PDB file of all heavy atoms in Angstrom:
ATOM      1  N   GLY A   1      62.526  10.337 -22.266  1.00  0.00           N
ATOM      2  CA  GLY A   1      63.777   9.598 -22.364  1.00  0.00           C
ATOM      3  C   GLY A   1      63.980   8.995 -23.727  1.00  0.00           C
ATOM      4  O   GLY A   1      65.089   9.009 -24.271  1.00  0.00           O
ATOM      5  N   LEU A   2      62.896   8.485 -24.306  1.00  0.00           N
ATOM      6  CA  LEU A   2      62.987   7.898 -25.635  1.00  0.00           C
ATOM      7  C   LEU A   2      63.298   8.962 -26.677  1.00  0.00           C
ATOM      8  O   LEU A   2      64.138   8.766 -27.563  1.00  0.00           O
ATOM      9  CB  LEU A   2      61.666   7.199 -25.971  1.00  0.00           C
ATOM     10  CG  LEU A   2      61.575   6.517 -27.340  1.00  0.00           C
ATOM     11  CD1 LEU A   2      62.716   5.520 -27.524  1.00  0.00           C
ATOM     12  CD2 LEU A   2      60.225   5.826 -27.484  1.00  0.00           C
ATOM     13  N   VAL A   3      62.640  10.097 -26.550  1.00  0.00           N
ATOM     14  CA  VAL A   3      62.905  11.187 -27.489  1.00  0.00           C
ATOM     15  C   VAL A   3      64.347  11.661 -27.372  1.00  0.00           C
ATOM     16  O   VAL A   3      65.029  11.901 -28.374  1.00  0.00           O
ATOM     17  CB  VAL A   3      61.917  12.347 -27.244  1.00  0.00           C
ATOM     18  CG1 VAL A   3      62.336  13.573 -28.042  1.00  0.00           C
ATOM     19  CG2 VAL A   3      60.498  11.930 -27.625  1.00  0.00           C
ATOM     20  N   SER A   4      64.848  11.792 -26.141  1.00  0.00           N
ATOM     21  CA  SER A   4      66.235  12.223 -25.935  1.00  0.00           C
ATOM     22  C   SER A   4      67.213  11.223 -26.551  1.00  0.00           C
ATOM     23  O   SER A   4      68.207  11.611 -27.175  1.00  0.00           O
ATOM     24  CB  SER A   4      66.519  12.365 -24.442  1.00  0.00           C
ATOM     25  OG  SER A   4      65.707  13.363 -23.874  1.00  0.00           O
ATOM     26  N   ALA A   5      66.904   9.947 -26.404  1.00  0.00           N
ATOM     27  CA  ALA A   5      67.774   8.924 -26.974  1.00  0.00           C
ATOM     28  C   ALA A   5      67.791   9.000 -28.490  1.00  0.00           C
ATOM     29  O   ALA A   5      68.843   8.873 -29.129  1.00  0.00           O
ATOM     30  CB  ALA A   5      67.309   7.539 -26.518  1.00  0.00           C
ATOM     31  N   LEU A   6      66.622   9.245 -29.063  1.00  0.00           N
ATOM     32  CA  LEU A   6      66.549   9.355 -30.525  1.00  0.00           C
ATOM     33  C   LEU A   6      67.315  10.581 -31.018  1.00  0.00           C
ATOM     34  O   LEU A   6      67.992  10.544 -32.046  1.00  0.00           O
ATOM     35  CB  LEU A   6      65.086   9.426 -30.970  1.00  0.00           C
ATOM     36  CG  LEU A   6      64.356   8.079 -31.034  1.00  0.00           C
ATOM     37  CD1 LEU A   6      62.857   8.304 -31.163  1.00  0.00           C
ATOM     38  CD2 LEU A   6      64.866   7.253 -32.209  1.00  0.00           C
ATOM     39  N   LEU A   7      67.188  11.684 -30.287  1.00  0.00           N
ATOM     40  CA  LEU A   7      67.918  12.887 -30.681  1.00  0.00           C
ATOM     41  C   LEU A   7      69.424  12.638 -30.641  1.00  0.00           C
ATOM     42  O   LEU A   7      70.157  13.054 -31.545  1.00  0.00           O
ATOM     43  CB  LEU A   7      67.546  14.040 -29.761  1.00  0.00           C
ATOM     44  CG  LEU A   7      66.157  14.659 -29.981  1.00  0.00           C
ATOM     45  CD1 LEU A   7      65.820  15.603 -28.841  1.00  0.00           C
ATOM     46  CD2 LEU A   7      66.123  15.392 -31.317  1.00  0.00           C
ATOM     47  N   ALA A   8      69.894  11.955 -29.612  1.00  0.00           N
ATOM     48  CA  ALA A   8      71.317  11.653 -29.504  1.00  0.00           C
ATOM     49  C   ALA A   8      71.757  10.723 -30.624  1.00  0.00           C
ATOM     50  O   ALA A   8      72.832  10.889 -31.208  1.00  0.00           O
ATOM     51  CB  ALA A   8      71.602  11.011 -28.144  1.00  0.00           C
ATOM     52  N   LEU A   9      70.889   9.770 -30.940  1.00  0.00           N
ATOM     53  CA  LEU A   9      71.206   8.832 -32.017  1.00  0.00           C
ATOM     54  C   LEU A   9      71.309   9.557 -33.343  1.00  0.00           C
ATOM     55  O   LEU A   9      72.246   9.347 -34.129  1.00  0.00           O
ATOM     56  CB  LEU A   9      70.116   7.748 -32.088  1.00  0.00           C
ATOM     57  CG  LEU A   9      70.256   6.703 -33.194  1.00  0.00           C
ATOM     58  CD1 LEU A   9      71.526   5.895 -32.991  1.00  0.00           C
ATOM     59  CD2 LEU A   9      69.035   5.783 -33.214  1.00  0.00           C
ATOM     60  N   GLN A  10      70.351  10.459 -33.580  1.00  0.00           N
ATOM     61  CA  GLN A  10      70.369  11.195 -34.839  1.00  0.00           C
ATOM     62  C   GLN A  10      71.578  12.121 -34.918  1.00  0.00           C
ATOM     63  O   GLN A  10      72.161  12.310 -35.980  1.00  0.00           O
ATOM     64  CB  GLN A  10      69.073  11.992 -35.001  1.00  0.00           C
ATOM     65  CG  GLN A  10      67.868  11.108 -35.287  1.00  0.00           C
ATOM     66  CD  GLN A  10      66.659  11.920 -35.720  1.00  0.00           C
ATOM     67  OE1 GLN A  10      66.674  13.147 -35.663  1.00  0.00           O
ATOM     68  NE2 GLN A  10      65.631  11.235 -36.161  1.00  0.00           N
ATOM     69  N   ALA A  11      71.947  12.705 -33.788  1.00  0.00           N
ATOM     70  CA  ALA A  11      73.075  13.640 -33.794  1.00  0.00           C
ATOM     71  C   ALA A  11      74.362  12.942 -34.216  1.00  0.00           C
ATOM     72  O   ALA A  11      75.230  13.536 -34.856  1.00  0.00           O
ATOM     73  CB  ALA A  11      73.230  14.260 -32.407  1.00  0.00           C
ATOM     74  N   GLY A  12      74.489  11.662 -33.877  1.00  0.00           N
ATOM     75  CA  GLY A  12      75.716  10.951 -34.203  1.00  0.00           C
ATOM     76  C   GLY A  12      75.622  10.093 -35.445  1.00  0.00           C
ATOM     77  O   GLY A  12      76.581   9.414 -35.807  1.00  0.00           O
ATOM     78  N   ALA A  13      74.469  10.115 -36.090  1.00  0.00           N
ATOM     79  CA  ALA A  13      74.280   9.254 -37.260  1.00  0.00           C
ATOM     80  C   ALA A  13      74.819   9.910 -38.523  1.00  0.00           C
ATOM     81  O   ALA A  13      74.988  11.120 -38.608  1.00  0.00           O
ATOM     82  CB  ALA A  13      72.802   8.949 -37.423  1.00  0.00           C
ATOM     83  N   SER A  14      75.077   9.093 -39.502  1.00  0.00           N
ATOM     84  CA  SER A  14      75.494   9.608 -40.803  1.00  0.00           C
ATOM     85  C   SER A  14      74.296  10.221 -41.502  1.00  0.00           C
ATOM     86  O   SER A  14      73.146   9.933 -41.180  1.00  0.00           O
ATOM     87  CB  SER A  14      76.049   8.472 -41.663  1.00  0.00           C
ATOM     88  OG  SER A  14      75.027   7.554 -41.976  1.00  0.00           O
ATOM     89  N   ALA A  15      74.556  11.078 -42.482  1.00  0.00           N
ATOM     90  CA  ALA A  15      73.475  11.741 -43.207  1.00  0.00           C
ATOM     91  C   ALA A  15      72.562  10.742 -43.887  1.00  0.00           C
ATOM     92  O   ALA A  15      71.342  10.883 -43.903  1.00  0.00           O
ATOM     93  CB  ALA A  15      74.065  12.704 -44.242  1.00  0.00           C
ATOM     94  N   SER A  16      73.123   9.681 -44.432  1.00  0.00           N
ATOM     95  CA  SER A  16      72.305   8.707 -45.153  1.00  0.00           C
ATOM     96  C   SER A  16      71.373   7.959 -44.215  1.00  0.00           C
ATOM     97  O   SER A  16      70.229   7.658 -44.556  1.00  0.00           O
ATOM     98  CB  SER A  16      73.201   7.710 -45.898  1.00  0.00           C
ATOM     99  OG  SER A  16      74.024   6.997 -44.987  1.00  0.00           O
ATOM    100  N   SER A  17      71.825   7.688 -43.003  1.00  0.00           N
ATOM    101  CA  SER A  17      70.987   6.924 -42.080  1.00  0.00           C
ATOM    102  C   SER A  17      69.811   7.736 -41.577  1.00  0.00           C
ATOM    103  O   SER A  17      68.798   7.178 -41.163  1.00  0.00           O
ATOM    104  CB  SER A  17      71.816   6.425 -40.900  1.00  0.00           C
ATOM    105  OG  SER A  17      72.230   7.506 -40.085  1.00  0.00           O
ATOM    106  N   LEU A  18      69.928   9.055 -41.612  1.00  0.00           N
ATOM    107  CA  LEU A  18      68.826   9.887 -41.163  1.00  0.00           C
ATOM    108  C   LEU A  18      67.619   9.754 -42.074  1.00  0.00           C
ATOM    109  O   LEU A  18      66.502  10.075 -41.693  1.00  0.00           O
ATOM    110  CB  LEU A  18      69.261  11.360 -41.100  1.00  0.00           C
ATOM    111  CG  LEU A  18      70.317  11.710 -40.055  1.00  0.00           C
ATOM    112  CD1 LEU A  18      70.636  13.183 -40.123  1.00  0.00           C
ATOM    113  CD2 LEU A  18      69.853  11.333 -38.663  1.00  0.00           C
ATOM    114  N   PHE A  19      67.830   9.310 -43.296  1.00  0.00           N
ATOM    115  CA  PHE A  19      66.746   9.198 -44.255  1.00  0.00           C
ATOM    116  C   PHE A  19      66.308   7.752 -44.430  1.00  0.00           C
ATOM    117  O   PHE A  19      65.737   7.393 -45.446  1.00  0.00           O
ATOM    118  CB  PHE A  19      67.170   9.808 -45.593  1.00  0.00           C
ATOM    119  CG  PHE A  19      67.443  11.281 -45.488  1.00  0.00           C
ATOM    120  CD1 PHE A  19      68.730  11.757 -45.302  1.00  0.00           C
ATOM    121  CD2 PHE A  19      66.403  12.205 -45.531  1.00  0.00           C
ATOM    122  CE1 PHE A  19      68.976  13.124 -45.187  1.00  0.00           C
ATOM    123  CE2 PHE A  19      66.637  13.566 -45.413  1.00  0.00           C
ATOM    124  CZ  PHE A  19      67.933  14.024 -45.243  1.00  0.00           C
ATOM    125  N   SER A  20      66.548   6.920 -43.471  1.00  0.00           N
ATOM    126  CA  SER A  20      66.150   5.520 -43.553  1.00  0.00           C
ATOM    127  C   SER A  20      65.166   5.164 -42.448  1.00  0.00           C
ATOM    128  O   SER A  20      65.197   4.072 -41.911  1.00  0.00           O
ATOM    129  CB  SER A  20      67.386   4.613 -43.474  1.00  0.00           C
ATOM    130  OG  SER A  20      68.074   4.820 -42.246  1.00  0.00           O
ATOM    131  N   LEU A  21      64.307   6.121 -42.105  1.00  0.00           N
ATOM    132  CA  LEU A  21      63.282   5.856 -41.110  1.00  0.00           C
ATOM    133  C   LEU A  21      62.297   4.841 -41.676  1.00  0.00           C
ATOM    134  O   LEU A  21      62.031   4.814 -42.875  1.00  0.00           O
ATOM    135  CB  LEU A  21      62.542   7.145 -40.754  1.00  0.00           C
ATOM    136  CG  LEU A  21      63.381   8.270 -40.142  1.00  0.00           C
ATOM    137  CD1 LEU A  21      62.515   9.499 -39.919  1.00  0.00           C
ATOM    138  CD2 LEU A  21      64.006   7.823 -38.833  1.00  0.00           C
ATOM    139  N   PRO A  22      61.725   3.995 -40.833  1.00  0.00           N
ATOM    140  CA  PRO A  22      60.770   3.002 -41.326  1.00  0.00           C
ATOM    141  C   PRO A  22      59.542   3.665 -41.927  1.00  0.00           C
ATOM    142  O   PRO A  22      59.068   4.692 -41.432  1.00  0.00           O
ATOM    143  CB  PRO A  22      60.423   2.195 -40.078  1.00  0.00           C
ATOM    144  CG  PRO A  22      60.773   3.082 -38.924  1.00  0.00           C
ATOM    145  CD  PRO A  22      61.940   3.890 -39.385  1.00  0.00           C
ATOM    146  N   ARG A  23      59.026   3.087 -42.991  1.00  0.00           N
ATOM    147  CA  ARG A  23      57.847   3.651 -43.643  1.00  0.00           C
ATOM    148  C   ARG A  23      56.613   3.393 -42.786  1.00  0.00           C
ATOM    149  O   ARG A  23      56.569   2.460 -41.986  1.00  0.00           O
ATOM    150  CB  ARG A  23      57.652   3.034 -45.025  1.00  0.00           C
ATOM    151  CG  ARG A  23      57.266   1.548 -45.007  1.00  0.00           C
ATOM    152  CD  ARG A  23      56.960   1.053 -46.414  1.00  0.00           C
ATOM    153  NE  ARG A  23      56.614  -0.357 -46.448  1.00  0.00           N
ATOM    154  CZ  ARG A  23      55.411  -0.848 -46.194  1.00  0.00           C
ATOM    155  NH1 ARG A  23      54.440  -0.030 -45.846  1.00  0.00           N
ATOM    156  NH2 ARG A  23      55.170  -2.154 -46.270  1.00  0.00           N
ATOM    157  N   THR A  24      55.600   4.219 -42.969  1.00  0.00           N
ATOM    158  CA  THR A  24      54.352   4.009 -42.239  1.00  0.00           C
ATOM    159  C   THR A  24      53.156   3.876 -43.174  1.00  0.00           C
ATOM    160  O   THR A  24      52.067   3.533 -42.723  1.00  0.00           O
ATOM    161  CB  THR A  24      54.078   5.175 -41.269  1.00  0.00           C
ATOM    162  OG1 THR A  24      54.037   6.401 -41.989  1.00  0.00           O
ATOM    163  CG2 THR A  24      55.165   5.244 -40.203  1.00  0.00           C
ATOM    164  N   TYR A  25      53.329   4.118 -44.450  1.00  0.00           N
ATOM    165  CA  TYR A  25      52.181   4.074 -45.368  1.00  0.00           C
ATOM    166  C   TYR A  25      51.740   2.628 -45.612  1.00  0.00           C
ATOM    167  O   TYR A  25      52.513   1.685 -45.460  1.00  0.00           O
ATOM    168  CB  TYR A  25      52.521   4.761 -46.690  1.00  0.00           C
ATOM    169  CG  TYR A  25      53.779   4.263 -47.377  1.00  0.00           C
ATOM    170  CD1 TYR A  25      53.760   3.122 -48.165  1.00  0.00           C
ATOM    171  CD2 TYR A  25      54.978   4.947 -47.246  1.00  0.00           C
ATOM    172  CE1 TYR A  25      54.906   2.663 -48.798  1.00  0.00           C
ATOM    173  CE2 TYR A  25      56.127   4.498 -47.863  1.00  0.00           C
ATOM    174  CZ  TYR A  25      56.083   3.359 -48.641  1.00  0.00           C
ATOM    175  OH  TYR A  25      57.222   2.901 -49.263  1.00  0.00           O
ATOM    176  N   PRO A  26      50.467   2.434 -46.002  1.00  0.00           N
ATOM    177  CA  PRO A  26      49.939   1.087 -46.217  1.00  0.00           C
ATOM    178  C   PRO A  26      50.378   0.526 -47.564  1.00  0.00           C
ATOM    179  O   PRO A  26      50.933   1.228 -48.413  1.00  0.00           O
ATOM    180  CB  PRO A  26      48.427   1.300 -46.180  1.00  0.00           C
ATOM    181  CG  PRO A  26      48.252   2.693 -46.708  1.00  0.00           C
ATOM    182  CD  PRO A  26      49.439   3.467 -46.168  1.00  0.00           C
ATOM    183  N   ASN A  27      50.102  -0.745 -47.759  1.00  0.00           N
ATOM    184  CA  ASN A  27      50.355  -1.403 -49.042  1.00  0.00           C
ATOM    185  C   ASN A  27      49.044  -1.423 -49.817  1.00  0.00           C
ATOM    186  O   ASN A  27      48.198  -2.300 -49.607  1.00  0.00           O
ATOM    187  CB  ASN A  27      50.863  -2.825 -48.809  1.00  0.00           C
ATOM    188  CG  ASN A  27      51.203  -3.543 -50.109  1.00  0.00           C
ATOM    189  OD1 ASN A  27      50.855  -3.087 -51.186  1.00  0.00           O
ATOM    190  ND2 ASN A  27      51.883  -4.677 -50.004  1.00  0.00           N
ATOM    191  N   ILE A  28      48.849  -0.450 -50.691  1.00  0.00           N
ATOM    192  CA  ILE A  28      47.586  -0.336 -51.420  1.00  0.00           C
ATOM    193  C   ILE A  28      47.807  -0.480 -52.927  1.00  0.00           C
ATOM    194  O   ILE A  28      47.065   0.078 -53.734  1.00  0.00           O
ATOM    195  CB  ILE A  28      46.880   0.994 -51.099  1.00  0.00           C
ATOM    196  CG1 ILE A  28      47.812   2.189 -51.294  1.00  0.00           C
ATOM    197  CG2 ILE A  28      46.327   0.986 -49.671  1.00  0.00           C
ATOM    198  CD1 ILE A  28      47.120   3.542 -51.104  1.00  0.00           C
ATOM    199  N   SER A  29      48.806  -1.250 -53.302  1.00  0.00           N
ATOM    200  CA  SER A  29      49.089  -1.444 -54.727  1.00  0.00           C
ATOM    201  C   SER A  29      47.912  -2.069 -55.458  1.00  0.00           C
ATOM    202  O   SER A  29      47.695  -1.807 -56.652  1.00  0.00           O
ATOM    203  CB  SER A  29      50.347  -2.305 -54.897  1.00  0.00           C
ATOM    204  OG  SER A  29      50.196  -3.548 -54.227  1.00  0.00           O
ATOM    205  N   ALA A  30      47.122  -2.900 -54.766  1.00  0.00           N
ATOM    206  CA  ALA A  30      45.973  -3.548 -55.405  1.00  0.00           C
ATOM    207  C   ALA A  30      44.867  -2.559 -55.743  1.00  0.00           C
ATOM    208  O   ALA A  30      43.976  -2.866 -56.551  1.00  0.00           O
ATOM    209  CB  ALA A  30      45.430  -4.647 -54.498  1.00  0.00           C
ATOM    210  N   CYS A  31      44.914  -1.365 -55.165  1.00  0.00           N
ATOM    211  CA  CYS A  31      43.837  -0.399 -55.379  1.00  0.00           C
ATOM    212  C   CYS A  31      43.805   0.146 -56.807  1.00  0.00           C
ATOM    213  O   CYS A  31      42.776   0.691 -57.234  1.00  0.00           O
ATOM    214  CB  CYS A  31      43.967   0.755 -54.380  1.00  0.00           C
ATOM    215  SG  CYS A  31      43.765   0.235 -52.650  1.00  0.00           S
ATOM    216  N   VAL A  32      44.904   0.015 -57.543  1.00  0.00           N
ATOM    217  CA  VAL A  32      44.908   0.526 -58.918  1.00  0.00           C
ATOM    218  C   VAL A  32      43.934  -0.245 -59.797  1.00  0.00           C
ATOM    219  O   VAL A  32      43.535   0.245 -60.867  1.00  0.00           O
ATOM    220  CB  VAL A  32      46.327   0.469 -59.530  1.00  0.00           C
ATOM    221  CG1 VAL A  32      47.283   1.336 -58.733  1.00  0.00           C
ATOM    222  CG2 VAL A  32      46.846  -0.958 -59.601  1.00  0.00           C
ATOM    223  N   ASN A  33      43.519  -1.422 -59.353  1.00  0.00           N
ATOM    224  CA  ASN A  33      42.591  -2.235 -60.138  1.00  0.00           C
ATOM    225  C   ASN A  33      41.148  -2.111 -59.661  1.00  0.00           C
ATOM    226  O   ASN A  33      40.257  -2.776 -60.205  1.00  0.00           O
ATOM    227  CB  ASN A  33      43.012  -3.711 -60.065  1.00  0.00           C
ATOM    228  CG  ASN A  33      44.392  -3.948 -60.644  1.00  0.00           C
ATOM    229  OD1 ASN A  33      44.724  -3.420 -61.701  1.00  0.00           O
ATOM    230  ND2 ASN A  33      45.208  -4.720 -59.940  1.00  0.00           N
ATOM    231  N   GLU A  34      40.923  -1.266 -58.657  1.00  0.00           N
ATOM    232  CA  GLU A  34      39.578  -1.091 -58.120  1.00  0.00           C
ATOM    233  C   GLU A  34      38.839   0.027 -58.853  1.00  0.00           C
ATOM    234  O   GLU A  34      39.463   0.963 -59.366  1.00  0.00           O
ATOM    235  CB  GLU A  34      39.649  -0.758 -56.623  1.00  0.00           C
ATOM    236  CG  GLU A  34      40.190  -1.882 -55.749  1.00  0.00           C
ATOM    237  CD  GLU A  34      39.279  -3.080 -55.752  1.00  0.00           C
ATOM    238  OE1 GLU A  34      38.052  -2.909 -55.569  1.00  0.00           O
ATOM    239  OE2 GLU A  34      39.793  -4.207 -55.934  1.00  0.00           O
ATOM    240  N   PRO A  35      37.509  -0.046 -58.906  1.00  0.00           N
ATOM    241  CA  PRO A  35      36.729   1.048 -59.506  1.00  0.00           C
ATOM    242  C   PRO A  35      36.995   2.362 -58.783  1.00  0.00           C
ATOM    243  O   PRO A  35      37.170   2.387 -57.562  1.00  0.00           O
ATOM    244  CB  PRO A  35      35.279   0.595 -59.304  1.00  0.00           C
ATOM    245  CG  PRO A  35      35.348  -0.882 -59.119  1.00  0.00           C
ATOM    246  CD  PRO A  35      36.655  -1.152 -58.430  1.00  0.00           C
ATOM    247  N   ILE A  36      37.049   3.455 -59.522  1.00  0.00           N
ATOM    248  CA  ILE A  36      37.312   4.769 -58.947  1.00  0.00           C
ATOM    249  C   ILE A  36      35.985   5.439 -58.616  1.00  0.00           C
ATOM    250  O   ILE A  36      35.192   5.747 -59.517  1.00  0.00           O
ATOM    251  CB  ILE A  36      38.144   5.643 -59.908  1.00  0.00           C
ATOM    252  CG1 ILE A  36      39.507   4.992 -60.178  1.00  0.00           C
ATOM    253  CG2 ILE A  36      38.329   7.042 -59.331  1.00  0.00           C
ATOM    254  CD1 ILE A  36      40.349   5.740 -61.179  1.00  0.00           C
TER     255      ILE A  36
END
């Protein structure tokens, strides 16, 4: 049901909104200062 709802939502969404999915990657900006 959730998948069907998402498909319906995407079908009626604007092109720009399709590319605004929430990010899932971590915040690892501090890693640039760590030893490699």
